Protein backbone atom coordinates (compact mmCIF):
# COMPACT_ATOMS: atom_id res chain seq x y z
CA MET A 1 3.93 39.49 -11.21
CA PRO A 2 0.73 38.52 -13.15
CA ARG A 3 -1.09 35.75 -12.01
CA ARG A 4 -1.93 33.09 -14.89
CA HIS A 5 -5.03 31.75 -15.75
CA ILE A 6 -4.77 27.47 -14.91
CA GLN A 7 -7.40 25.52 -16.70
CA LEU A 8 -7.98 22.30 -14.86
CA PRO A 9 -9.87 19.56 -15.60
CA ASN A 10 -13.40 19.52 -14.60
CA ARG A 11 -13.26 18.55 -10.72
CA GLY A 12 -14.17 14.73 -11.35
CA VAL A 13 -10.87 13.98 -12.36
CA LEU A 14 -8.94 14.47 -9.46
CA GLY A 15 -10.51 10.92 -7.93
CA SER A 16 -10.45 8.87 -10.60
CA ASP A 17 -8.38 6.77 -13.02
CA PRO A 18 -4.96 8.10 -12.58
CA TYR A 19 -4.51 6.88 -16.41
CA THR A 20 -7.48 9.89 -16.58
CA VAL A 21 -5.76 12.35 -14.49
CA LEU A 22 -2.09 11.73 -16.42
CA GLY A 23 -4.56 12.14 -19.88
CA ILE A 24 -2.55 8.93 -21.32
CA THR A 25 -3.88 5.95 -22.33
CA ARG A 26 -2.73 2.38 -20.39
CA GLY A 27 -1.54 1.01 -22.66
CA SER A 28 1.43 3.77 -22.73
CA SER A 29 5.49 3.05 -21.86
CA ILE A 30 6.81 3.82 -18.62
CA LYS A 31 8.31 6.43 -20.55
CA GLU A 32 5.44 8.30 -21.88
CA VAL A 33 4.01 8.17 -17.96
CA LYS A 34 6.99 9.74 -17.01
CA ARG A 35 7.26 12.61 -20.08
CA GLU A 36 3.05 13.48 -18.37
CA TYR A 37 3.99 13.89 -15.58
CA TYR A 38 6.55 15.82 -15.22
CA LYS A 39 4.49 17.88 -17.12
CA LEU A 40 1.75 18.35 -15.38
CA ALA A 41 4.48 18.11 -12.31
CA LYS A 42 5.50 21.43 -13.45
CA LYS A 43 2.44 23.33 -14.83
CA PHE A 44 0.93 22.41 -10.89
CA HIS A 45 3.61 23.13 -9.08
CA PRO A 46 2.53 24.64 -6.05
CA ASP A 47 5.64 26.88 -6.33
CA MET A 48 4.32 28.03 -9.57
CA ASN A 49 1.10 28.56 -8.81
CA PRO A 50 0.85 30.00 -5.25
CA ASP A 51 -2.28 30.54 -3.61
CA ASP A 52 -4.19 29.03 -5.83
CA GLU A 53 -5.71 25.70 -4.26
CA ARG A 54 -6.67 23.92 -6.72
CA ALA A 55 -3.78 23.92 -8.98
CA LYS A 56 -2.02 22.12 -5.65
CA GLN A 57 -5.19 19.78 -5.50
CA MET A 58 -4.07 18.77 -8.72
CA PHE A 59 -0.87 18.67 -7.94
CA ILE A 60 -1.24 16.10 -5.81
CA SER A 61 -3.28 13.87 -8.01
CA VAL A 62 -0.64 14.31 -10.50
CA GLN A 63 1.32 12.83 -7.92
CA ALA A 64 -0.32 9.75 -6.10
CA ALA A 65 -1.85 9.29 -10.13
CA PHE A 66 2.22 8.61 -11.06
CA ARG A 67 3.00 7.07 -7.85
CA GLN A 68 0.49 4.00 -8.84
CA ILE A 69 0.17 3.60 -12.62
CA GLU A 70 4.80 3.27 -11.97
CA ALA A 71 3.89 0.52 -8.96
CA ASP A 72 1.69 -1.41 -11.70
CA LEU A 73 4.46 -0.89 -14.30
CA ASP A 74 7.60 -1.36 -13.07
CA PRO A 75 8.10 -4.78 -11.87
CA GLU A 76 10.95 -4.23 -8.90
CA LYS A 77 8.57 -1.45 -6.99
CA ARG A 78 5.49 -3.91 -7.85
CA ASP A 79 6.86 -6.59 -6.59
CA ARG A 80 8.11 -4.44 -2.93
CA LYS A 81 5.03 -3.26 -2.69
CA HIS A 82 2.89 -6.16 -2.52
CA THR A 83 5.88 -7.36 0.15
CA GLN A 84 6.60 -4.96 2.29
CA PHE A 85 3.83 -6.26 4.56
CA ASN A 86 4.62 -9.85 3.89
CA SER A 87 8.32 -10.37 5.11
CA TYR A 88 6.97 -12.22 8.79
CA GLU A 89 5.44 -14.52 10.28
CA ARG A 90 4.33 -15.53 13.88
CA SER A 91 5.30 -18.20 15.57
CA ASP A 92 3.69 -20.18 18.55
CA ASP A 93 5.89 -18.01 21.04
CA GLY A 94 4.41 -15.16 20.76
CA SER A 95 8.03 -13.43 18.51
CA PHE A 96 8.29 -12.79 14.52
CA THR A 97 10.33 -14.12 12.02
CA SER A 98 11.54 -12.41 9.30
CA ARG A 99 11.68 -14.63 5.59
CA ARG A 100 15.63 -14.62 5.98
CA GLY A 101 15.46 -15.79 9.15
CA THR A 102 15.92 -13.28 11.90
CA LYS A 103 14.00 -13.57 15.25
CA GLN A 104 12.31 -10.61 16.81
CA GLN A 105 10.12 -9.67 19.34
CA SER A 106 7.00 -8.84 19.26
CA GLY A 107 6.81 -6.28 22.38
CA PHE A 108 3.76 -6.93 23.77
CA ASP A 109 2.66 -9.29 26.19
CA ASP A 110 0.00 -11.83 25.62
CA GLU A 111 -1.70 -12.81 29.23
């Protein structure tokens, strides 16, 4: 199978703004974001580009950019992300109480 030539954006794009990585504007809808994500994920997928390290890195960057934008645009995912680590409060006795009211021991000795 002949090796395909892939035109990658310049190297600075890999660590930049997620909208730039996906090639979209900040006002894009979630539908537009998904369309660009699927197009780029297919283009840079490691199965489509075996032994191409740059394509693999771009695939990883595209995935990370999509996750970040999706979390920002989807209210349910955004709320889940922000409350994930704020669901427990520490009590005076060293145990943790969830916001749902269940109590769990910390598992550590406070000696």
